[in-house]
Amino acid sequence: MNEQLIVSGKEIPHIVPHLHLWGTEIALYLFFGGLAAGLIFFANFFYLKGKQNSMPVTIKVAPLIAPIIIIIGLILLIIDLHHPLYFWQLLIHFRIVSPMSWGAWTLSVIMLPAILWPLSYLDDIIEYLENRNPKCKITGLLIWVNNLIQKLPIVPAILVWFDKNRKIMAYLTIPLAIILGVYTGILLSAFNARPLWNTAILGPLFLTSGVSTAAAAIMWISNNPLERKLYSKIDLFLIAIEIFFIIHMFMGMKAGGIAQVEAAELFLGGSYTVVFWVGIVAIGLVFPAILEIMELTGFHVPVWIPSFLILMSGMLFRFVMVWGGQATSFNLL
């Protein structure tokens, strides 16, 4: 028997045949980015529709969440970096062909209106929270922040300017919110070496999922029946689109090459089948849609149930796509 030693560049630890670089931090970063994009989009869109009085949660209260979760997402991203102390270099260089560069700059630009928007409505937010729950601890924190802002020399003037030019800022912010939502999917699809991610449908799919989670979050925290009913209708529409994109994604993979077919089989009988089709699609999308239809037709359904399921489905979807994508490759060995 002759012993042969075969050396191949296709066996690279942590990269080939399976990638083991991205985990919890990136999945949560993608979830928070999509949720923030949806919250910002709805606030600006319905403001331009003149709904600031009839939809206070959408336009004034919910946007307060966006900058907080963006900052949390950025912290998670920095933690995940191999050299976290050099993260700032993403902000001083721009590469037009790099999705990571587009994402870093989009987050940097959108952070300013994301912060100024709720701060310019701080008095209204405090009044809303006091009327809803006078004992809410968040109200006391916001009052302290508001008093602090009034003592600063420049910030009050900036907020007055922002309020006067809110309509212009809304028109400028909506495209940024859409780019942010699409970017969370394009960040994965740019890795062509991973068959699961190698599809153009990820950008629109992640955008739709992010906007759907934002609709669910607003529906949950709002106490306005008309606002909740509107978001039930919006969310039903978004869930239908999301399911269409998911089916289209797997149909495209099954019609592709061997690597795409093998990637699809992970979700069509493989190790990710149950968690994806039962946990994400059935329990996280179809069941909440049924509950929302029941609510719209007159049955009383606790609003937190479909909202919670949609949010958890959106988060689990990011985890499955991040982990599943790293388990697929164009392995030529």
C-alpha atoms as a PDB file:
ATOM      1  CA  MET A   1       0.000   0.000   0.000  1.00  0.00           C
ATOM      2  CA  ASN A   2       1.327   3.368  -0.988  1.00  0.00           C
ATOM      3  CA  GLU A   3       0.585   6.235   1.392  1.00  0.00           C
ATOM      4  CA  GLN A   4      -0.336   9.499  -0.299  1.00  0.00           C
ATOM      5  CA  LEU A   5      -0.422  12.944   1.303  1.00  0.00           C
ATOM      6  CA  ILE A   6      -2.930  15.273  -0.352  1.00  0.00           C
ATOM      7  CA  VAL A   7      -2.565  18.999   0.322  1.00  0.00           C
ATOM      8  CA  SER A   8      -5.412  21.270  -0.700  1.00  0.00           C
ATOM      9  CA  GLY A   9      -5.997  24.978  -0.266  1.00  0.00           C
ATOM     10  CA  LYS A  10      -9.697  24.231   0.150  1.00  0.00           C
ATOM     11  CA  GLU A  11      -9.139  23.127   3.770  1.00  0.00           C
ATOM     12  CA  ILE A  12      -8.732  26.393   5.673  1.00  0.00           C
ATOM     13  CA  PRO A  13      -9.565  26.363   9.399  1.00  0.00           C
ATOM     14  CA  HIS A  14     -12.677  28.438  10.297  1.00  0.00           C
ATOM     15  CA  ILE A  15     -13.242  29.331   6.624  1.00  0.00           C
ATOM     16  CA  VAL A  16     -13.407  26.242   4.364  1.00  0.00           C
ATOM     17  CA  PRO A  17     -15.371  24.028   4.150  1.00  0.00           C
ATOM     18  CA  HIS A  18     -17.433  25.687   6.899  1.00  0.00           C
ATOM     19  CA  LEU A  19     -17.197  29.308   7.960  1.00  0.00           C
ATOM     20  CA  HIS A  20     -17.133  29.899  11.724  1.00  0.00           C
ATOM     21  CA  LEU A  21     -16.536  33.621  11.975  1.00  0.00           C
ATOM     22  CA  TRP A  22     -19.965  35.195  12.542  1.00  0.00           C
ATOM     23  CA  GLY A  23     -22.237  34.368  15.428  1.00  0.00           C
ATOM     24  CA  THR A  24     -24.639  35.962  17.884  1.00  0.00           C
ATOM     25  CA  GLU A  25     -23.260  39.496  17.606  1.00  0.00           C
ATOM     26  CA  ILE A  26     -23.736  39.733  13.832  1.00  0.00           C
ATOM     27  CA  ALA A  27     -27.204  38.135  13.904  1.00  0.00           C
ATOM     28  CA  LEU A  28     -28.386  40.627  16.547  1.00  0.00           C
ATOM     29  CA  TYR A  29     -26.695  43.475  14.653  1.00  0.00           C
ATOM     30  CA  LEU A  30     -28.663  42.584  11.521  1.00  0.00           C
ATOM     31  CA  PHE A  31     -31.904  42.300  13.523  1.00  0.00           C
ATOM     32  CA  PHE A  32     -31.472  45.649  15.259  1.00  0.00           C
ATOM     33  CA  GLY A  33     -30.499  47.319  11.983  1.00  0.00           C
ATOM     34  CA  GLY A  34     -33.634  46.091  10.210  1.00  0.00           C
ATOM     35  CA  LEU A  35     -35.902  47.003  13.137  1.00  0.00           C
ATOM     36  CA  ALA A  36     -34.412  50.502  13.378  1.00  0.00           C
ATOM     37  CA  ALA A  37     -34.774  51.001   9.618  1.00  0.00           C
ATOM     38  CA  GLY A  38     -38.466  50.105   9.831  1.00  0.00           C
ATOM     39  CA  LEU A  39     -39.132  52.409  12.795  1.00  0.00           C
ATOM     40  CA  ILE A  40     -37.398  55.330  11.097  1.00  0.00           C
ATOM     41  CA  PHE A  41     -39.192  54.670   7.807  1.00  0.00           C
ATOM     42  CA  PHE A  42     -42.663  54.603   9.370  1.00  0.00           C
ATOM     43  CA  ALA A  43     -42.041  57.752  11.435  1.00  0.00           C
ATOM     44  CA  ASN A  44     -40.886  59.788   8.447  1.00  0.00           C
ATOM     45  CA  PHE A  45     -43.417  58.344   6.006  1.00  0.00           C
ATOM     46  CA  PHE A  46     -46.489  58.977   8.140  1.00  0.00           C
ATOM     47  CA  TYR A  47     -45.207  62.403   9.151  1.00  0.00           C
ATOM     48  CA  LEU A  48     -45.183  63.345   5.468  1.00  0.00           C
ATOM     49  CA  LYS A  49     -48.748  61.982   5.278  1.00  0.00           C
ATOM     50  CA  GLY A  50     -49.751  64.494   8.000  1.00  0.00           C
ATOM     51  CA  LYS A  51     -50.485  61.878  10.699  1.00  0.00           C
ATOM     52  CA  GLN A  52     -48.443  63.384  13.553  1.00  0.00           C
ATOM     53  CA  ASN A  53     -51.532  63.929  15.725  1.00  0.00           C
ATOM     54  CA  SER A  54     -53.446  60.736  14.911  1.00  0.00           C
ATOM     55  CA  MET A  55     -50.373  58.436  15.078  1.00  0.00           C
ATOM     56  CA  PRO A  56     -48.294  59.745  18.016  1.00  0.00           C
ATOM     57  CA  VAL A  57     -46.613  56.409  18.776  1.00  0.00           C
ATOM     58  CA  THR A  58     -45.464  55.927  15.189  1.00  0.00           C
ATOM     59  CA  ILE A  59     -44.134  59.450  14.681  1.00  0.00           C
ATOM     60  CA  LYS A  60     -43.054  60.538  18.161  1.00  0.00           C
ATOM     61  CA  VAL A  61     -42.638  57.661  20.634  1.00  0.00           C
ATOM     62  CA  ALA A  62     -41.378  54.643  18.657  1.00  0.00           C
ATOM     63  CA  PRO A  63     -38.504  56.557  16.954  1.00  0.00           C
ATOM     64  CA  LEU A  64     -36.959  56.903  20.415  1.00  0.00           C
ATOM     65  CA  ILE A  65     -36.104  53.190  20.176  1.00  0.00           C
ATOM     66  CA  ALA A  66     -34.250  53.484  16.844  1.00  0.00           C
ATOM     67  CA  PRO A  67     -31.020  55.277  17.893  1.00  0.00           C
ATOM     68  CA  ILE A  68     -30.772  53.106  21.022  1.00  0.00           C
ATOM     69  CA  ILE A  69     -30.864  49.807  19.122  1.00  0.00           C
ATOM     70  CA  ILE A  70     -28.582  51.199  16.388  1.00  0.00           C
ATOM     71  CA  ILE A  71     -25.983  52.018  19.042  1.00  0.00           C
ATOM     72  CA  ILE A  72     -26.406  48.567  20.612  1.00  0.00           C
ATOM     73  CA  GLY A  73     -25.993  46.990  17.168  1.00  0.00           C
ATOM     74  CA  LEU A  74     -22.821  48.989  16.498  1.00  0.00           C
ATOM     75  CA  ILE A  75     -21.383  47.947  19.857  1.00  0.00           C
ATOM     76  CA  LEU A  76     -22.085  44.301  18.980  1.00  0.00           C
ATOM     77  CA  LEU A  77     -20.429  44.804  15.592  1.00  0.00           C
ATOM     78  CA  ILE A  78     -17.335  46.332  17.180  1.00  0.00           C
ATOM     79  CA  ILE A  79     -17.164  43.454  19.691  1.00  0.00           C
ATOM     80  CA  ASP A  80     -17.268  40.979  16.793  1.00  0.00           C
ATOM     81  CA  LEU A  81     -14.382  42.654  14.944  1.00  0.00           C
ATOM     82  CA  HIS A  82     -11.020  40.916  15.112  1.00  0.00           C
ATOM     83  CA  HIS A  83      -9.355  44.297  15.758  1.00  0.00           C
ATOM     84  CA  PRO A  84     -12.108  46.332  17.481  1.00  0.00           C
ATOM     85  CA  LEU A  85      -9.845  49.286  18.260  1.00  0.00           C
ATOM     86  CA  TYR A  86      -9.565  50.010  14.528  1.00  0.00           C
ATOM     87  CA  PHE A  87     -13.314  50.184  13.802  1.00  0.00           C
ATOM     88  CA  TRP A  88     -13.042  53.934  13.178  1.00  0.00           C
ATOM     89  CA  GLN A  89     -11.174  53.292   9.938  1.00  0.00           C
ATOM     90  CA  LEU A  90     -14.488  52.255   8.357  1.00  0.00           C
ATOM     91  CA  LEU A  91     -15.660  55.828   8.935  1.00  0.00           C
ATOM     92  CA  ILE A  92     -12.749  57.566   7.217  1.00  0.00           C
ATOM     93  CA  HIS A  93     -12.598  55.354   4.109  1.00  0.00           C
ATOM     94  CA  PHE A  94     -15.330  54.673   1.568  1.00  0.00           C
ATOM     95  CA  ARG A  95     -15.261  51.865  -0.990  1.00  0.00           C
ATOM     96  CA  ILE A  96     -18.175  51.945  -3.407  1.00  0.00           C
ATOM     97  CA  VAL A  97     -17.941  48.184  -4.051  1.00  0.00           C
ATOM     98  CA  SER A  98     -17.935  47.266  -0.353  1.00  0.00           C
ATOM     99  CA  PRO A  99     -21.319  46.550   1.341  1.00  0.00           C
ATOM    100  CA  MET A 100     -19.628  46.920   4.739  1.00  0.00           C
ATOM    101  CA  SER A 101     -18.451  50.406   3.744  1.00  0.00           C
ATOM    102  CA  TRP A 102     -21.945  51.348   2.545  1.00  0.00           C
ATOM    103  CA  GLY A 103     -23.406  50.063   5.795  1.00  0.00           C
ATOM    104  CA  ALA A 104     -20.927  51.894   8.029  1.00  0.00           C
ATOM    105  CA  TRP A 105     -21.503  55.196   6.238  1.00  0.00           C
ATOM    106  CA  THR A 106     -25.282  54.754   6.110  1.00  0.00           C
ATOM    107  CA  LEU A 107     -25.362  54.095   9.842  1.00  0.00           C
ATOM    108  CA  SER A 108     -23.141  57.113  10.466  1.00  0.00           C
ATOM    109  CA  VAL A 109     -25.312  59.439   8.372  1.00  0.00           C
ATOM    110  CA  ILE A 110     -28.684  58.154   9.595  1.00  0.00           C
ATOM    111  CA  MET A 111     -27.657  58.372  13.256  1.00  0.00           C
ATOM    112  CA  LEU A 112     -27.965  62.176  13.262  1.00  0.00           C
ATOM    113  CA  PRO A 113     -31.630  62.399  12.166  1.00  0.00           C
ATOM    114  CA  ALA A 114     -32.386  59.236  14.174  1.00  0.00           C
ATOM    115  CA  ILE A 115     -31.254  61.036  17.335  1.00  0.00           C
ATOM    116  CA  LEU A 116     -32.591  64.522  16.533  1.00  0.00           C
ATOM    117  CA  TRP A 117     -36.046  63.259  15.499  1.00  0.00           C
ATOM    118  CA  PRO A 118     -37.187  61.942  18.920  1.00  0.00           C
ATOM    119  CA  LEU A 119     -35.292  64.656  20.819  1.00  0.00           C
ATOM    120  CA  SER A 120     -37.244  67.325  18.930  1.00  0.00           C
ATOM    121  CA  TYR A 121     -40.453  65.609  20.092  1.00  0.00           C
ATOM    122  CA  LEU A 122     -39.258  65.064  23.671  1.00  0.00           C
ATOM    123  CA  ASP A 123     -41.908  67.289  25.283  1.00  0.00           C
ATOM    124  CA  ASP A 124     -44.660  65.448  23.399  1.00  0.00           C
ATOM    125  CA  ILE A 125     -43.171  62.052  24.288  1.00  0.00           C
ATOM    126  CA  ILE A 126     -43.032  62.948  27.990  1.00  0.00           C
ATOM    127  CA  GLU A 127     -46.626  64.190  27.910  1.00  0.00           C
ATOM    128  CA  TYR A 128     -47.771  61.005  26.152  1.00  0.00           C
ATOM    129  CA  LEU A 129     -46.011  58.728  28.652  1.00  0.00           C
ATOM    130  CA  GLU A 130     -47.296  60.704  31.646  1.00  0.00           C
ATOM    131  CA  ASN A 131     -50.864  60.401  30.402  1.00  0.00           C
ATOM    132  CA  ARG A 132     -50.453  56.691  29.723  1.00  0.00           C
ATOM    133  CA  ASN A 133     -48.584  55.732  32.911  1.00  0.00           C
ATOM    134  CA  PRO A 134     -47.666  58.492  35.406  1.00  0.00           C
ATOM    135  CA  LYS A 135     -45.453  56.077  37.393  1.00  0.00           C
ATOM    136  CA  CYS A 136     -43.323  55.051  34.397  1.00  0.00           C
ATOM    137  CA  LYS A 137     -39.614  55.321  35.301  1.00  0.00           C
ATOM    138  CA  ILE A 138     -38.680  56.068  31.697  1.00  0.00           C
ATOM    139  CA  THR A 139     -40.644  59.321  31.951  1.00  0.00           C
ATOM    140  CA  GLY A 140     -38.420  60.536  34.787  1.00  0.00           C
ATOM    141  CA  LEU A 141     -35.304  59.716  32.776  1.00  0.00           C
ATOM    142  CA  LEU A 142     -36.641  61.602  29.744  1.00  0.00           C
ATOM    143  CA  ILE A 143     -37.496  64.626  31.902  1.00  0.00           C
ATOM    144  CA  TRP A 144     -33.906  64.643  33.179  1.00  0.00           C
ATOM    145  CA  VAL A 145     -32.586  64.396  29.608  1.00  0.00           C
ATOM    146  CA  ASN A 146     -34.881  67.206  28.493  1.00  0.00           C
ATOM    147  CA  ASN A 147     -33.702  69.481  31.307  1.00  0.00           C
ATOM    148  CA  LEU A 148     -30.092  68.683  30.479  1.00  0.00           C
ATOM    149  CA  ILE A 149     -30.619  69.509  26.797  1.00  0.00           C
ATOM    150  CA  GLN A 150     -32.125  72.893  27.648  1.00  0.00           C
ATOM    151  CA  LYS A 151     -28.954  73.796  29.580  1.00  0.00           C
ATOM    152  CA  LEU A 152     -26.628  73.009  26.687  1.00  0.00           C
ATOM    153  CA  PRO A 153     -25.524  75.973  24.560  1.00  0.00           C
ATOM    154  CA  ILE A 154     -26.006  74.618  21.016  1.00  0.00           C
ATOM    155  CA  VAL A 155     -28.334  71.602  21.088  1.00  0.00           C
ATOM    156  CA  PRO A 156     -31.615  73.525  21.682  1.00  0.00           C
ATOM    157  CA  ALA A 157     -30.926  75.719  18.636  1.00  0.00           C
ATOM    158  CA  ILE A 158     -30.160  72.619  16.533  1.00  0.00           C
ATOM    159  CA  LEU A 159     -33.442  71.026  17.622  1.00  0.00           C
ATOM    160  CA  VAL A 160     -35.365  74.199  16.719  1.00  0.00           C
ATOM    161  CA  TRP A 161     -33.735  74.207  13.280  1.00  0.00           C
ATOM    162  CA  PHE A 162     -34.499  70.505  12.836  1.00  0.00           C
ATOM    163  CA  ASP A 163     -38.147  71.054  13.769  1.00  0.00           C
ATOM    164  CA  LYS A 164     -38.483  73.859  11.214  1.00  0.00           C
ATOM    165  CA  ASN A 165     -36.920  71.705   8.497  1.00  0.00           C
ATOM    166  CA  ARG A 166     -38.501  68.394   9.531  1.00  0.00           C
ATOM    167  CA  LYS A 167     -40.249  67.864   6.204  1.00  0.00           C
ATOM    168  CA  ILE A 168     -37.004  68.204   4.232  1.00  0.00           C
ATOM    169  CA  MET A 169     -35.219  65.905   6.681  1.00  0.00           C
ATOM    170  CA  ALA A 170     -38.013  63.338   6.333  1.00  0.00           C
ATOM    171  CA  TYR A 171     -37.593  63.239   2.560  1.00  0.00           C
ATOM    172  CA  LEU A 172     -33.837  62.776   3.010  1.00  0.00           C
ATOM    173  CA  THR A 173     -34.121  60.154   5.770  1.00  0.00           C
ATOM    174  CA  ILE A 174     -36.593  57.778   4.099  1.00  0.00           C
ATOM    175  CA  PRO A 175     -34.089  56.662   1.410  1.00  0.00           C
ATOM    176  CA  LEU A 176     -31.443  56.180   4.116  1.00  0.00           C
ATOM    177  CA  ALA A 177     -33.824  53.971   6.096  1.00  0.00           C
ATOM    178  CA  ILE A 178     -34.519  51.857   2.999  1.00  0.00           C
ATOM    179  CA  ILE A 179     -30.790  51.549   2.262  1.00  0.00           C
ATOM    180  CA  LEU A 180     -30.169  50.501   5.878  1.00  0.00           C
ATOM    181  CA  GLY A 181     -32.864  47.818   5.689  1.00  0.00           C
ATOM    182  CA  VAL A 182     -31.619  46.456   2.365  1.00  0.00           C
ATOM    183  CA  TYR A 183     -27.991  46.597   3.527  1.00  0.00           C
ATOM    184  CA  THR A 184     -28.627  44.069   6.293  1.00  0.00           C
ATOM    185  CA  GLY A 185     -29.327  41.487   3.585  1.00  0.00           C
ATOM    186  CA  ILE A 186     -26.759  42.656   1.039  1.00  0.00           C
ATOM    187  CA  LEU A 187     -24.055  42.325   3.691  1.00  0.00           C
ATOM    188  CA  LEU A 188     -24.602  38.568   3.501  1.00  0.00           C
ATOM    189  CA  SER A 189     -25.304  38.263  -0.224  1.00  0.00           C
ATOM    190  CA  ALA A 190     -21.951  39.926  -0.988  1.00  0.00           C
ATOM    191  CA  PHE A 191     -20.247  36.718   0.173  1.00  0.00           C
ATOM    192  CA  ASN A 192     -20.566  34.862  -3.128  1.00  0.00           C
ATOM    193  CA  ALA A 193     -18.638  31.859  -1.780  1.00  0.00           C
ATOM    194  CA  ARG A 194     -21.609  30.938   0.440  1.00  0.00           C
ATOM    195  CA  PRO A 195     -24.424  29.425  -1.684  1.00  0.00           C
ATOM    196  CA  LEU A 196     -27.178  30.235   0.824  1.00  0.00           C
ATOM    197  CA  TRP A 197     -26.215  33.917   0.765  1.00  0.00           C
ATOM    198  CA  ASN A 198     -25.444  34.031  -2.953  1.00  0.00           C
ATOM    199  CA  THR A 199     -28.849  35.398  -3.998  1.00  0.00           C
ATOM    200  CA  ALA A 200     -30.082  38.889  -4.837  1.00  0.00           C
ATOM    201  CA  ILE A 201     -33.340  38.231  -2.974  1.00  0.00           C
ATOM    202  CA  LEU A 202     -31.701  38.660   0.451  1.00  0.00           C
ATOM    203  CA  GLY A 203     -31.715  42.471   0.282  1.00  0.00           C
ATOM    204  CA  PRO A 204     -35.481  42.833  -0.350  1.00  0.00           C
ATOM    205  CA  LEU A 205     -36.210  39.912   2.005  1.00  0.00           C
ATOM    206  CA  PHE A 206     -34.295  41.446   4.915  1.00  0.00           C
ATOM    207  CA  LEU A 207     -35.850  44.856   4.222  1.00  0.00           C
ATOM    208  CA  THR A 208     -39.367  43.393   4.289  1.00  0.00           C
ATOM    209  CA  SER A 209     -38.625  41.411   7.439  1.00  0.00           C
ATOM    210  CA  GLY A 210     -37.174  44.476   9.179  1.00  0.00           C
ATOM    211  CA  VAL A 211     -40.154  46.665   8.309  1.00  0.00           C
ATOM    212  CA  SER A 212     -42.488  43.872   9.450  1.00  0.00           C
ATOM    213  CA  THR A 213     -40.781  43.674  12.861  1.00  0.00           C
ATOM    214  CA  ALA A 214     -41.066  47.465  13.177  1.00  0.00           C
ATOM    215  CA  ALA A 215     -44.792  47.280  12.409  1.00  0.00           C
ATOM    216  CA  ALA A 216     -45.167  44.583  15.061  1.00  0.00           C
ATOM    217  CA  ALA A 217     -43.251  46.664  17.626  1.00  0.00           C
ATOM    218  CA  ILE A 218     -45.390  49.770  17.011  1.00  0.00           C
ATOM    219  CA  MET A 219     -48.562  47.682  17.107  1.00  0.00           C
ATOM    220  CA  TRP A 220     -47.461  46.300  20.488  1.00  0.00           C
ATOM    221  CA  ILE A 221     -46.609  49.599  22.228  1.00  0.00           C
ATOM    222  CA  SER A 222     -49.462  51.657  20.780  1.00  0.00           C
ATOM    223  CA  ASN A 223     -52.687  52.066  22.756  1.00  0.00           C
ATOM    224  CA  ASN A 224     -54.548  53.628  19.825  1.00  0.00           C
ATOM    225  CA  PRO A 225     -57.044  51.100  18.333  1.00  0.00           C
ATOM    226  CA  LEU A 226     -56.971  52.778  14.915  1.00  0.00           C
ATOM    227  CA  GLU A 227     -53.170  52.777  14.865  1.00  0.00           C
ATOM    228  CA  ARG A 228     -53.069  49.120  15.845  1.00  0.00           C
ATOM    229  CA  LYS A 229     -55.638  48.202  13.202  1.00  0.00           C
ATOM    230  CA  LEU A 230     -53.634  50.015  10.523  1.00  0.00           C
ATOM    231  CA  TYR A 231     -50.451  48.158  11.452  1.00  0.00           C
ATOM    232  CA  SER A 232     -52.273  44.833  11.473  1.00  0.00           C
ATOM    233  CA  LYS A 233     -53.183  45.469   7.834  1.00  0.00           C
ATOM    234  CA  ILE A 234     -49.678  46.652   6.993  1.00  0.00           C
ATOM    235  CA  ASP A 235     -48.129  43.641   8.702  1.00  0.00           C
ATOM    236  CA  LEU A 236     -50.410  41.187   6.887  1.00  0.00           C
ATOM    237  CA  PHE A 237     -49.253  42.687   3.603  1.00  0.00           C
ATOM    238  CA  LEU A 238     -45.589  42.500   4.649  1.00  0.00           C
ATOM    239  CA  ILE A 239     -45.911  38.895   5.871  1.00  0.00           C
ATOM    240  CA  ALA A 240     -47.382  37.886   2.503  1.00  0.00           C
ATOM    241  CA  ILE A 241     -44.467  39.553   0.694  1.00  0.00           C
ATOM    242  CA  GLU A 242     -41.944  37.956   3.050  1.00  0.00           C
ATOM    243  CA  ILE A 243     -43.344  34.464   2.475  1.00  0.00           C
ATOM    244  CA  PHE A 244     -43.315  35.111  -1.278  1.00  0.00           C
ATOM    245  CA  PHE A 245     -39.635  36.116  -1.121  1.00  0.00           C
ATOM    246  CA  ILE A 246     -38.769  33.047   0.971  1.00  0.00           C
ATOM    247  CA  ILE A 247     -40.449  30.678  -1.491  1.00  0.00           C
ATOM    248  CA  HIS A 248     -38.844  32.514  -4.414  1.00  0.00           C
ATOM    249  CA  MET A 249     -35.415  32.229  -2.746  1.00  0.00           C
ATOM    250  CA  PHE A 250     -35.641  28.451  -2.396  1.00  0.00           C
ATOM    251  CA  MET A 251     -37.111  28.001  -5.871  1.00  0.00           C
ATOM    252  CA  GLY A 252     -34.107  29.889  -7.248  1.00  0.00           C
ATOM    253  CA  MET A 253     -31.714  27.716  -5.284  1.00  0.00           C
ATOM    254  CA  LYS A 254     -33.361  24.476  -6.429  1.00  0.00           C
ATOM    255  CA  ALA A 255     -32.999  25.662 -10.019  1.00  0.00           C
ATOM    256  CA  GLY A 256     -29.320  26.543  -9.512  1.00  0.00           C
ATOM    257  CA  GLY A 257     -26.128  24.557  -9.389  1.00  0.00           C
ATOM    258  CA  ILE A 258     -25.207  21.689  -7.087  1.00  0.00           C
ATOM    259  CA  ALA A 259     -24.001  23.991  -4.314  1.00  0.00           C
ATOM    260  CA  GLN A 260     -27.264  25.980  -4.295  1.00  0.00           C
ATOM    261  CA  VAL A 261     -29.320  22.786  -4.317  1.00  0.00           C
ATOM    262  CA  GLU A 262     -27.338  21.423  -1.352  1.00  0.00           C
ATOM    263  CA  ALA A 263     -27.805  24.730   0.483  1.00  0.00           C
ATOM    264  CA  ALA A 264     -31.558  24.604  -0.099  1.00  0.00           C
ATOM    265  CA  GLU A 265     -31.703  21.023   1.129  1.00  0.00           C
ATOM    266  CA  LEU A 266     -30.538  22.183   4.556  1.00  0.00           C
ATOM    267  CA  PHE A 267     -33.986  23.809   4.815  1.00  0.00           C
ATOM    268  CA  LEU A 268     -35.917  21.222   2.795  1.00  0.00           C
ATOM    269  CA  GLY A 269     -35.361  18.113   4.857  1.00  0.00           C
ATOM    270  CA  GLY A 270     -31.996  18.966   6.386  1.00  0.00           C
ATOM    271  CA  SER A 271     -30.896  20.184   9.813  1.00  0.00           C
ATOM    272  CA  TYR A 272     -32.558  23.620   9.545  1.00  0.00           C
ATOM    273  CA  THR A 273     -35.935  22.393   8.259  1.00  0.00           C
ATOM    274  CA  VAL A 274     -37.880  22.338  11.536  1.00  0.00           C
ATOM    275  CA  VAL A 275     -36.540  25.566  13.006  1.00  0.00           C
ATOM    276  CA  PHE A 276     -37.085  27.436   9.745  1.00  0.00           C
ATOM    277  CA  TRP A 277     -40.464  26.191   8.516  1.00  0.00           C
ATOM    278  CA  VAL A 278     -42.036  25.539  11.919  1.00  0.00           C
ATOM    279  CA  GLY A 279     -40.327  28.119  14.131  1.00  0.00           C
ATOM    280  CA  ILE A 280     -39.954  31.020  11.688  1.00  0.00           C
ATOM    281  CA  VAL A 281     -42.564  30.552   8.954  1.00  0.00           C
ATOM    282  CA  ALA A 282     -45.429  28.704  10.697  1.00  0.00           C
ATOM    283  CA  ILE A 283     -45.242  30.044  14.259  1.00  0.00           C
ATOM    284  CA  GLY A 284     -43.548  33.374  13.488  1.00  0.00           C
ATOM    285  CA  LEU A 285     -45.368  34.433  10.307  1.00  0.00           C
ATOM    286  CA  VAL A 286     -48.430  32.342   9.409  1.00  0.00           C
ATOM    287  CA  PHE A 287     -49.847  32.015  12.943  1.00  0.00           C
ATOM    288  CA  PRO A 288     -49.499  35.768  13.735  1.00  0.00           C
ATOM    289  CA  ALA A 289     -51.139  36.526  10.380  1.00  0.00           C
ATOM    290  CA  ILE A 290     -54.100  34.311  11.339  1.00  0.00           C
ATOM    291  CA  LEU A 291     -54.356  36.076  14.711  1.00  0.00           C
ATOM    292  CA  GLU A 292     -54.283  39.498  13.031  1.00  0.00           C
ATOM    293  CA  ILE A 293     -57.013  38.451  10.601  1.00  0.00           C
ATOM    294  CA  MET A 294     -59.096  37.254  13.553  1.00  0.00           C
ATOM    295  CA  GLU A 295     -58.583  40.592  15.299  1.00  0.00           C
ATOM    296  CA  LEU A 296     -59.585  42.539  12.191  1.00  0.00           C
ATOM    297  CA  THR A 297     -62.746  40.446  11.839  1.00  0.00           C
ATOM    298  CA  GLY A 298     -63.924  41.146  15.385  1.00  0.00           C
ATOM    299  CA  PHE A 299     -62.289  38.530  17.618  1.00  0.00           C
ATOM    300  CA  HIS A 300     -60.322  39.845  20.585  1.00  0.00           C
ATOM    301  CA  VAL A 301     -56.684  38.757  20.426  1.00  0.00           C
ATOM    302  CA  PRO A 302     -54.093  40.119  22.907  1.00  0.00           C
ATOM    303  CA  VAL A 303     -51.925  42.348  20.725  1.00  0.00           C
ATOM    304  CA  TRP A 304     -48.687  41.254  22.359  1.00  0.00           C
ATOM    305  CA  ILE A 305     -49.013  37.677  21.064  1.00  0.00           C
ATOM    306  CA  PRO A 306     -48.713  38.294  17.285  1.00  0.00           C
ATOM    307  CA  SER A 307     -46.292  41.177  17.911  1.00  0.00           C
ATOM    308  CA  PHE A 308     -43.991  39.055  20.066  1.00  0.00           C
ATOM    309  CA  LEU A 309     -44.076  36.134  17.628  1.00  0.00           C
ATOM    310  CA  ILE A 310     -43.211  38.360  14.655  1.00  0.00           C
ATOM    311  CA  LEU A 311     -40.323  39.992  16.522  1.00  0.00           C
ATOM    312  CA  MET A 312     -38.962  36.623  17.637  1.00  0.00           C
ATOM    313  CA  SER A 313     -39.378  35.262  14.109  1.00  0.00           C
ATOM    314  CA  GLY A 314     -37.418  38.189  12.699  1.00  0.00           C
ATOM    315  CA  MET A 315     -34.604  37.647  15.180  1.00  0.00           C
ATOM    316  CA  LEU A 316     -34.523  33.855  14.682  1.00  0.00           C
ATOM    317  CA  PHE A 317     -34.508  34.356  10.914  1.00  0.00           C
ATOM    318  CA  ARG A 318     -31.250  36.342  11.181  1.00  0.00           C
ATOM    319  CA  PHE A 319     -29.655  33.675  13.363  1.00  0.00           C
ATOM    320  CA  VAL A 320     -30.650  30.888  10.987  1.00  0.00           C
ATOM    321  CA  MET A 321     -29.441  32.767   7.904  1.00  0.00           C
ATOM    322  CA  VAL A 322     -26.104  33.665   9.522  1.00  0.00           C
ATOM    323  CA  TRP A 323     -25.440  30.158  10.845  1.00  0.00           C
ATOM    324  CA  GLY A 324     -26.917  28.331   7.860  1.00  0.00           C
ATOM    325  CA  GLY A 325     -24.961  30.394   5.361  1.00  0.00           C
ATOM    326  CA  GLN A 326     -21.680  29.550   7.064  1.00  0.00           C
ATOM    327  CA  ALA A 327     -22.496  25.852   6.829  1.00  0.00           C
ATOM    328  CA  THR A 328     -22.690  26.019   3.022  1.00  0.00           C
ATOM    329  CA  SER A 329     -19.885  26.406   0.524  1.00  0.00           C
ATOM    330  CA  PHE A 330     -18.793  25.768  -3.061  1.00  0.00           C
ATOM    331  CA  ASN A 331     -16.632  22.832  -1.970  1.00  0.00           C
ATOM    332  CA  LEU A 332     -14.601  21.478  -4.868  1.00  0.00           C
ATOM    333  CA  LEU A 333     -12.795  18.811  -2.879  1.00  0.00           C
END
